[in-house]
Amino acid sequence: MKKMLCPQCKIAAMYVKNESGERRLVYVTDQAEVIPKNPDETLEGFDVSEVFCLGCSWHGSPKKLVRY
């Protein structure tokens, strides 16, 4: 599994949000699959159609990330 990178700052660390504004740290695979950084956590209730970069202000579709 390869991790996709932010198109702006080129880091792999992303997060997703739920309706309450809580964040969950994630990675996006080269297949555009959003997976939690911590394997014990679930993404149930989180919107995985939009990811946010931890390193800069970029956010968007997981499909817009760049390959490493």
C-alpha atoms as a PDB file:
ATOM      1  CA  MET A   1       0.000   0.000   0.000  1.00  0.00           C
ATOM      2  CA  LYS A   2       1.373   3.368  -1.015  1.00  0.00           C
ATOM      3  CA  LYS A   3       0.232   6.514   0.759  1.00  0.00           C
ATOM      4  CA  MET A   4      -0.929   9.447  -1.311  1.00  0.00           C
ATOM      5  CA  LEU A   5       0.479  12.911  -0.602  1.00  0.00           C
ATOM      6  CA  CYS A   6      -0.966  16.388  -0.261  1.00  0.00           C
ATOM      7  CA  PRO A   7      -0.628  18.186  -3.617  1.00  0.00           C
ATOM      8  CA  GLN A   8       0.510  21.355  -1.829  1.00  0.00           C
ATOM      9  CA  CYS A   9       2.982  20.344   0.879  1.00  0.00           C
ATOM     10  CA  LYS A  10       3.669  16.674  -0.032  1.00  0.00           C
ATOM     11  CA  ILE A  11       2.909  15.042   3.350  1.00  0.00           C
ATOM     12  CA  ALA A  12       0.781  11.919   3.823  1.00  0.00           C
ATOM     13  CA  ALA A  13      -0.929  12.839   7.109  1.00  0.00           C
ATOM     14  CA  MET A  14      -4.576  13.790   6.602  1.00  0.00           C
ATOM     15  CA  TYR A  15      -7.716  13.959   8.703  1.00  0.00           C
ATOM     16  CA  VAL A  16     -11.466  13.645   8.199  1.00  0.00           C
ATOM     17  CA  LYS A  17     -14.286  15.240  10.169  1.00  0.00           C
ATOM     18  CA  ASN A  18     -17.687  14.126  11.410  1.00  0.00           C
ATOM     19  CA  GLU A  19     -20.845  16.235  11.868  1.00  0.00           C
ATOM     20  CA  SER A  20     -19.684  17.336  15.343  1.00  0.00           C
ATOM     21  CA  GLY A  21     -16.392  18.629  13.937  1.00  0.00           C
ATOM     22  CA  GLU A  22     -14.334  15.882  15.568  1.00  0.00           C
ATOM     23  CA  ARG A  23     -11.228  14.855  13.635  1.00  0.00           C
ATOM     24  CA  ARG A  24      -9.820  11.414  12.858  1.00  0.00           C
ATOM     25  CA  LEU A  25      -6.278  11.002  11.527  1.00  0.00           C
ATOM     26  CA  VAL A  26      -6.149   9.068   8.253  1.00  0.00           C
ATOM     27  CA  TYR A  27      -4.022   8.092   5.294  1.00  0.00           C
ATOM     28  CA  VAL A  28      -5.225   7.748   1.709  1.00  0.00           C
ATOM     29  CA  THR A  29      -4.000   4.732  -0.258  1.00  0.00           C
ATOM     30  CA  ASP A  30      -2.999   4.739  -3.916  1.00  0.00           C
ATOM     31  CA  GLN A  31      -6.450   3.239  -4.582  1.00  0.00           C
ATOM     32  CA  ALA A  32      -8.043   6.423  -3.062  1.00  0.00           C
ATOM     33  CA  GLU A  33      -9.198   4.418  -0.020  1.00  0.00           C
ATOM     34  CA  VAL A  34      -9.303   6.418   3.210  1.00  0.00           C
ATOM     35  CA  ILE A  35      -7.981   4.375   6.151  1.00  0.00           C
ATOM     36  CA  PRO A  36      -7.538   5.371   9.805  1.00  0.00           C
ATOM     37  CA  LYS A  37      -3.971   5.964  10.977  1.00  0.00           C
ATOM     38  CA  ASN A  38      -4.757   3.953  14.107  1.00  0.00           C
ATOM     39  CA  PRO A  39      -6.016   0.494  12.998  1.00  0.00           C
ATOM     40  CA  ASP A  40      -8.110   0.199  16.182  1.00  0.00           C
ATOM     41  CA  GLU A  41     -10.281   3.182  15.186  1.00  0.00           C
ATOM     42  CA  THR A  42     -13.250   3.198  12.828  1.00  0.00           C
ATOM     43  CA  LEU A  43     -14.322   5.819  10.319  1.00  0.00           C
ATOM     44  CA  GLU A  44     -18.016   5.231  10.952  1.00  0.00           C
ATOM     45  CA  GLY A  45     -19.796   8.580  11.076  1.00  0.00           C
ATOM     46  CA  PHE A  46     -16.914  10.434   9.416  1.00  0.00           C
ATOM     47  CA  ASP A  47     -17.147  12.023   5.961  1.00  0.00           C
ATOM     48  CA  VAL A  48     -14.454  10.297   3.887  1.00  0.00           C
ATOM     49  CA  SER A  49     -15.386  12.166   0.693  1.00  0.00           C
ATOM     50  CA  GLU A  50     -13.287  15.147   1.840  1.00  0.00           C
ATOM     51  CA  VAL A  51      -9.862  14.980   3.484  1.00  0.00           C
ATOM     52  CA  PHE A  52      -7.889  17.772   5.139  1.00  0.00           C
ATOM     53  CA  CYS A  53      -4.100  18.082   5.222  1.00  0.00           C
ATOM     54  CA  LEU A  54      -2.407  18.296   8.624  1.00  0.00           C
ATOM     55  CA  GLY A  55       0.488  20.330   7.243  1.00  0.00           C
ATOM     56  CA  CYS A  56      -1.199  23.105   5.274  1.00  0.00           C
ATOM     57  CA  SER A  57      -4.603  24.519   4.393  1.00  0.00           C
ATOM     58  CA  TRP A  58      -5.371  22.110   1.519  1.00  0.00           C
ATOM     59  CA  HIS A  59      -8.576  20.063   1.544  1.00  0.00           C
ATOM     60  CA  GLY A  60     -10.471  18.189  -1.114  1.00  0.00           C
ATOM     61  CA  SER A  61     -11.370  14.844  -2.580  1.00  0.00           C
ATOM     62  CA  PRO A  62      -9.076  11.899  -1.762  1.00  0.00           C
ATOM     63  CA  LYS A  63      -8.841  11.331  -5.522  1.00  0.00           C
ATOM     64  CA  LYS A  64      -7.006  14.673  -5.958  1.00  0.00           C
ATOM     65  CA  LEU A  65      -3.983  13.613  -3.904  1.00  0.00           C
ATOM     66  CA  VAL A  66      -0.691  12.924  -5.655  1.00  0.00           C
ATOM     67  CA  ARG A  67       1.185   9.634  -5.840  1.00  0.00           C
ATOM     68  CA  TYR A  68       4.383   9.198  -3.870  1.00  0.00           C
END
